[in-house]
Amino acid sequence: MNPAEQYVSVRYLVDDVGASIDFYTGYLGFTLNMSAAPAFADVLRGRLRLLLSGPASSGARATPEDASTPGRNRIHLVVDDLDAEITRLRAAGLPFRSDLVAGPGGRQVLIADPGGNLVELFEPAQRPGSAGQSEVGPMSGTA
């Protein structure tokens, strides 16, 4: 496996690469892999490589104008204690984009990064007799 194959990469277009680096590394447990700010950076969490492309990056320049705003897609991060994460992130003043939603698979809430891209924080439901997660996310190695 070459180094590029060890990660699943997702590109997010952002207005401010530095603010995005601070958001993902400061609040969501990512580590900085490489920075060419203000044009580009990439951050890592598990096997997820998040490409943060500023307005001057080739990734942003290749995006058609009618597709340049944040969409409904999002990365999905599994957390152990969603209530504690909500409390921590609200105290930091981060913008929430949804209320807490619960379903048979677990509970989730959406936050927005500095560029308006969505991030889903998900806590799987605990099932009797089940040691595994009820929903697959980027930390599990499958999508």
Protein backbone atom coordinates (compact mmCIF):
# COMPACT_ATOMS: atom_id res chain seq x y z
CA MET A 1 0.00 0.00 0.00
CA ASN A 2 1.42 3.37 -0.94
CA PRO A 3 0.99 6.29 1.50
CA ALA A 4 -1.93 7.78 -0.46
CA GLU A 5 -3.89 4.51 -0.08
CA GLN A 6 -3.68 4.46 3.73
CA TYR A 7 -6.16 7.37 4.00
CA VAL A 8 -9.64 8.16 2.81
CA SER A 9 -9.45 11.74 1.54
CA VAL A 10 -12.25 14.30 1.54
CA ARG A 11 -11.82 17.83 0.17
CA TYR A 12 -13.58 20.73 1.89
CA LEU A 13 -13.50 24.18 0.29
CA VAL A 14 -12.87 26.76 3.01
CA ASP A 15 -12.58 30.54 3.13
CA ASP A 16 -9.79 30.60 5.72
CA VAL A 17 -7.32 27.72 5.83
CA GLY A 18 -5.72 28.88 9.10
CA ALA A 19 -9.07 29.11 10.90
CA SER A 20 -10.00 25.67 9.55
CA ILE A 21 -6.74 24.16 10.80
CA ASP A 22 -7.42 25.64 14.24
CA PHE A 23 -11.02 24.32 14.21
CA TYR A 24 -10.20 20.73 13.25
CA THR A 25 -7.03 20.38 15.35
CA GLY A 26 -8.26 22.42 18.32
CA TYR A 27 -11.76 20.97 18.70
CA LEU A 28 -12.16 17.70 16.79
CA GLY A 29 -8.97 15.73 17.45
CA PHE A 30 -7.31 16.07 14.04
CA THR A 31 -3.55 16.53 13.65
CA LEU A 32 -1.92 18.80 11.11
CA ASN A 33 -0.25 16.77 8.36
CA MET A 34 0.86 19.59 6.06
CA SER A 35 0.20 23.30 5.71
CA ALA A 36 0.67 25.56 2.70
CA ALA A 37 -1.66 28.17 4.20
CA PRO A 38 -3.32 30.31 3.09
CA ALA A 39 -3.89 28.13 0.00
CA PHE A 40 -4.06 24.58 1.37
CA ALA A 41 -3.57 22.25 4.33
CA ASP A 42 -4.47 18.71 5.23
CA VAL A 43 -5.37 17.33 8.63
CA LEU A 44 -5.65 13.72 9.79
CA ARG A 45 -7.88 11.80 12.15
CA GLY A 46 -7.52 8.04 11.99
CA ARG A 47 -7.68 7.08 8.33
CA LEU A 48 -9.51 10.30 7.36
CA ARG A 49 -7.40 12.87 5.51
CA LEU A 50 -9.31 16.13 5.27
CA LEU A 51 -8.05 18.41 2.49
CA LEU A 52 -8.68 22.06 3.40
CA SER A 53 -8.63 24.03 0.17
CA GLY A 54 -8.64 27.82 0.35
CA PRO A 55 -9.73 30.14 -2.48
CA ALA A 56 -6.23 30.17 -4.04
CA SER A 57 -5.87 26.37 -4.11
CA SER A 58 -6.11 24.37 -7.31
CA GLY A 59 -8.96 22.34 -5.79
CA ALA A 60 -11.05 25.46 -5.22
CA ARG A 61 -10.18 26.96 -8.61
CA ALA A 62 -11.35 23.75 -10.35
CA THR A 63 -14.77 23.93 -8.68
CA PRO A 64 -17.58 25.35 -10.83
CA GLU A 65 -19.04 28.57 -9.41
CA ASP A 66 -22.51 27.02 -9.00
CA ALA A 67 -21.02 24.30 -6.76
CA SER A 68 -18.82 26.52 -4.60
CA THR A 69 -21.02 26.73 -1.50
CA PRO A 70 -21.06 24.16 1.32
CA GLY A 71 -23.46 21.32 0.64
CA ARG A 72 -25.55 18.89 2.61
CA ASN A 73 -22.78 16.29 2.63
CA ARG A 74 -20.64 15.99 5.72
CA ILE A 75 -17.95 14.00 7.41
CA HIS A 76 -19.16 11.67 10.15
CA LEU A 77 -17.14 11.46 13.38
CA VAL A 78 -18.00 8.82 15.98
CA VAL A 79 -17.76 10.02 19.59
CA ASP A 80 -18.06 8.12 22.88
CA ASP A 81 -20.06 10.73 24.81
CA LEU A 82 -22.12 13.06 22.63
CA ASP A 83 -23.51 15.04 25.58
CA ALA A 84 -20.00 15.86 26.81
CA GLU A 85 -18.92 16.88 23.28
CA ILE A 86 -21.95 19.16 22.90
CA THR A 87 -21.22 20.82 26.25
CA ARG A 88 -17.52 21.28 25.39
CA LEU A 89 -18.15 22.68 21.91
CA ARG A 90 -21.00 24.99 23.00
CA ALA A 91 -18.71 26.40 25.72
CA ALA A 92 -16.15 27.12 22.98
CA GLY A 93 -18.81 29.04 21.04
CA LEU A 94 -18.88 26.76 17.99
CA PRO A 95 -21.88 27.09 15.65
CA PHE A 96 -24.35 24.20 15.84
CA ARG A 97 -26.43 23.59 12.72
CA SER A 98 -28.97 21.15 14.19
CA ASP A 99 -30.58 20.11 17.39
CA LEU A 100 -29.70 16.76 18.90
CA VAL A 101 -31.43 14.04 16.86
CA ALA A 102 -31.95 10.48 18.12
CA GLY A 103 -32.89 7.38 16.16
CA PRO A 104 -32.57 3.61 16.39
CA GLY A 105 -28.91 3.73 15.31
CA GLY A 106 -27.81 6.39 17.76
CA ARG A 107 -27.75 10.14 18.34
CA GLN A 108 -26.21 12.92 16.31
CA VAL A 109 -25.75 16.67 16.06
CA LEU A 110 -24.31 18.84 13.29
CA ILE A 111 -21.75 21.61 13.70
CA ALA A 112 -20.22 23.83 11.02
CA ASP A 113 -16.55 24.47 10.36
CA PRO A 114 -15.35 28.06 9.71
CA GLY A 115 -16.21 27.67 5.99
CA GLY A 116 -19.75 26.44 6.68
CA ASN A 117 -19.01 22.77 5.92
CA LEU A 118 -20.96 20.32 8.05
CA VAL A 119 -19.48 17.89 10.56
CA GLU A 120 -21.69 15.21 12.11
CA LEU A 121 -20.86 14.08 15.63
CA PHE A 122 -22.44 10.65 16.14
CA GLU A 123 -22.80 8.46 19.23
CA PRO A 124 -23.91 4.90 18.33
CA ALA A 125 -26.81 3.38 20.24
CA GLN A 126 -25.81 0.75 22.76
CA ARG A 127 -27.40 -2.53 21.80
CA PRO A 128 -27.77 -5.33 24.36
CA GLY A 129 -25.16 -8.00 23.73
CA SER A 130 -23.39 -5.98 21.04
CA ALA A 131 -19.78 -4.91 21.41
CA GLY A 132 -19.60 -3.23 17.97
CA GLN A 133 -20.79 0.07 16.65
CA SER A 134 -24.24 0.26 15.12
CA GLU A 135 -23.20 2.59 12.29
CA VAL A 136 -20.06 2.63 10.18
CA GLY A 137 -18.05 5.83 10.09
CA PRO A 138 -14.65 7.04 8.89
CA MET A 139 -12.88 5.87 12.03
CA SER A 140 -13.81 2.23 11.38
CA GLY A 141 -11.89 2.01 8.13
CA THR A 142 -14.95 1.47 5.96
CA ALA A 143 -17.44 3.85 4.45
